[in-house]
Amino acid sequence: MGIKWDENELATLYEMAEMYTPKQIAFRLKRRGYHRTISAVKRKLYSLGYSTRPVLDNYSCREIAKNLCVPPTTIRYSLRKPLNVQCD
């Protein structure tokens, strides 16, 4: 288990999660005196429900669920569930 994220780090992460890449977030955390690797930032973002893929907007599962009026677990399940699409 790694070093626990403190409240200021998490505030920075939440603030930047939707607009910056994990690399940019790690850089900004380092400038603020925290030492998190890019992979640590990615893992934390993922655990909070954010996407870390550069082709997607970084919306959290919580935000999507709130807008769709469903529980966040429904969104997480839907995103992880394989699509069973059949082409004719």
C-alpha atoms as a PDB file:
ATOM      1  CA  MET A   1       0.000   0.000   0.000  1.00  0.00           C
ATOM      2  CA  GLY A   2       1.300   3.444  -0.911  1.00  0.00           C
ATOM      3  CA  ILE A   3       1.335   6.772   0.824  1.00  0.00           C
ATOM      4  CA  LYS A   4      -2.136   8.069   1.647  1.00  0.00           C
ATOM      5  CA  TRP A   5      -3.344  11.030  -0.414  1.00  0.00           C
ATOM      6  CA  ASP A   6      -3.879  14.104   1.743  1.00  0.00           C
ATOM      7  CA  GLU A   7      -6.788  16.505   1.332  1.00  0.00           C
ATOM      8  CA  ASN A   8      -4.791  19.168  -0.541  1.00  0.00           C
ATOM      9  CA  GLU A   9      -3.526  16.595  -3.046  1.00  0.00           C
ATOM     10  CA  LEU A  10      -7.047  15.301  -3.600  1.00  0.00           C
ATOM     11  CA  ALA A  11      -8.367  18.843  -4.016  1.00  0.00           C
ATOM     12  CA  THR A  12      -5.737  19.440  -6.701  1.00  0.00           C
ATOM     13  CA  LEU A  13      -6.603  16.137  -8.347  1.00  0.00           C
ATOM     14  CA  TYR A  14     -10.343  16.890  -8.415  1.00  0.00           C
ATOM     15  CA  GLU A  15      -9.653  20.383  -9.739  1.00  0.00           C
ATOM     16  CA  MET A  16      -7.506  19.125 -12.608  1.00  0.00           C
ATOM     17  CA  ALA A  17      -9.021  15.709 -13.366  1.00  0.00           C
ATOM     18  CA  GLU A  18     -11.362  16.862 -16.102  1.00  0.00           C
ATOM     19  CA  MET A  19      -8.978  19.163 -17.963  1.00  0.00           C
ATOM     20  CA  TYR A  20      -5.471  17.743 -17.650  1.00  0.00           C
ATOM     21  CA  THR A  21      -3.661  14.503 -18.454  1.00  0.00           C
ATOM     22  CA  PRO A  22      -2.196  12.387 -15.633  1.00  0.00           C
ATOM     23  CA  LYS A  23       1.284  13.548 -16.706  1.00  0.00           C
ATOM     24  CA  GLN A  24       0.279  17.204 -16.367  1.00  0.00           C
ATOM     25  CA  ILE A  25      -1.391  16.538 -13.005  1.00  0.00           C
ATOM     26  CA  ALA A  26       1.721  14.749 -11.678  1.00  0.00           C
ATOM     27  CA  PHE A  27       3.844  17.706 -12.816  1.00  0.00           C
ATOM     28  CA  ARG A  28       1.586  20.221 -11.081  1.00  0.00           C
ATOM     29  CA  LEU A  29       1.517  18.138  -7.898  1.00  0.00           C
ATOM     30  CA  LYS A  30       5.310  18.033  -7.939  1.00  0.00           C
ATOM     31  CA  ARG A  31       5.442  21.830  -8.263  1.00  0.00           C
ATOM     32  CA  ARG A  32       3.219  22.046  -5.174  1.00  0.00           C
ATOM     33  CA  GLY A  33       5.602  19.865  -3.180  1.00  0.00           C
ATOM     34  CA  TYR A  34       3.952  16.450  -3.576  1.00  0.00           C
ATOM     35  CA  HIS A  35       5.684  13.470  -5.112  1.00  0.00           C
ATOM     36  CA  ARG A  36       3.263  11.306  -7.093  1.00  0.00           C
ATOM     37  CA  THR A  37       4.225   9.319 -10.137  1.00  0.00           C
ATOM     38  CA  ILE A  38       2.171   9.414 -13.315  1.00  0.00           C
ATOM     39  CA  SER A  39       1.023   5.839 -12.664  1.00  0.00           C
ATOM     40  CA  ALA A  40      -0.047   6.786  -9.107  1.00  0.00           C
ATOM     41  CA  VAL A  41      -2.123   9.654 -10.514  1.00  0.00           C
ATOM     42  CA  LYS A  42      -3.670   7.312 -13.109  1.00  0.00           C
ATOM     43  CA  ARG A  43      -4.556   4.733 -10.455  1.00  0.00           C
ATOM     44  CA  LYS A  44      -6.128   7.362  -8.210  1.00  0.00           C
ATOM     45  CA  LEU A  45      -8.121   8.882 -11.067  1.00  0.00           C
ATOM     46  CA  TYR A  46      -9.334   5.408 -12.049  1.00  0.00           C
ATOM     47  CA  SER A  47     -10.320   4.586  -8.466  1.00  0.00           C
ATOM     48  CA  LEU A  48     -12.321   7.831  -8.347  1.00  0.00           C
ATOM     49  CA  GLY A  49     -14.130   6.892 -11.551  1.00  0.00           C
ATOM     50  CA  TYR A  50     -12.337   9.197 -13.982  1.00  0.00           C
ATOM     51  CA  SER A  51     -11.172   8.132 -17.404  1.00  0.00           C
ATOM     52  CA  THR A  52      -7.451   8.467 -18.096  1.00  0.00           C
ATOM     53  CA  ARG A  53      -7.694   7.792 -21.811  1.00  0.00           C
ATOM     54  CA  PRO A  54      -6.682  10.841 -23.860  1.00  0.00           C
ATOM     55  CA  VAL A  55      -9.428  10.315 -26.454  1.00  0.00           C
ATOM     56  CA  LEU A  56     -12.218  10.729 -23.914  1.00  0.00           C
ATOM     57  CA  ASP A  57     -13.264  13.743 -21.954  1.00  0.00           C
ATOM     58  CA  ASN A  58     -12.474  13.037 -18.332  1.00  0.00           C
ATOM     59  CA  TYR A  59     -15.941  12.789 -16.904  1.00  0.00           C
ATOM     60  CA  SER A  60     -16.237  10.920 -13.660  1.00  0.00           C
ATOM     61  CA  CYS A  61     -18.737   8.103 -13.248  1.00  0.00           C
ATOM     62  CA  ARG A  62     -20.251  10.145 -10.440  1.00  0.00           C
ATOM     63  CA  GLU A  63     -20.905  13.108 -12.775  1.00  0.00           C
ATOM     64  CA  ILE A  64     -22.413  10.954 -15.511  1.00  0.00           C
ATOM     65  CA  ALA A  65     -24.602   9.147 -12.972  1.00  0.00           C
ATOM     66  CA  LYS A  66     -25.774  12.432 -11.492  1.00  0.00           C
ATOM     67  CA  ASN A  67     -26.765  13.743 -14.932  1.00  0.00           C
ATOM     68  CA  LEU A  68     -28.549  10.495 -15.812  1.00  0.00           C
ATOM     69  CA  CYS A  69     -30.154  10.160 -12.346  1.00  0.00           C
ATOM     70  CA  VAL A  70     -28.725   6.671 -11.754  1.00  0.00           C
ATOM     71  CA  PRO A  71     -26.298   5.319  -9.137  1.00  0.00           C
ATOM     72  CA  PRO A  72     -22.557   5.603 -10.006  1.00  0.00           C
ATOM     73  CA  THR A  73     -22.214   1.812  -9.755  1.00  0.00           C
ATOM     74  CA  THR A  74     -24.605   1.459 -12.692  1.00  0.00           C
ATOM     75  CA  ILE A  75     -22.311   3.583 -14.832  1.00  0.00           C
ATOM     76  CA  ARG A  76     -19.183   1.695 -13.721  1.00  0.00           C
ATOM     77  CA  TYR A  77     -20.850  -1.634 -14.453  1.00  0.00           C
ATOM     78  CA  SER A  78     -21.991  -0.442 -17.881  1.00  0.00           C
ATOM     79  CA  LEU A  79     -18.531   0.811 -18.808  1.00  0.00           C
ATOM     80  CA  ARG A  80     -16.796  -2.415 -17.774  1.00  0.00           C
ATOM     81  CA  LYS A  81     -19.400  -4.755 -19.272  1.00  0.00           C
ATOM     82  CA  PRO A  82     -18.435  -6.090 -22.711  1.00  0.00           C
ATOM     83  CA  LEU A  83     -20.751  -5.150 -25.524  1.00  0.00           C
ATOM     84  CA  ASN A  84     -22.660  -8.071 -26.997  1.00  0.00           C
ATOM     85  CA  VAL A  85     -23.346  -6.598 -30.407  1.00  0.00           C
ATOM     86  CA  GLN A  86     -24.170  -8.873 -33.305  1.00  0.00           C
ATOM     87  CA  CYS A  87     -23.814  -7.733 -36.887  1.00  0.00           C
ATOM     88  CA  ASP A  88     -26.013  -9.250 -39.574  1.00  0.00           C
END
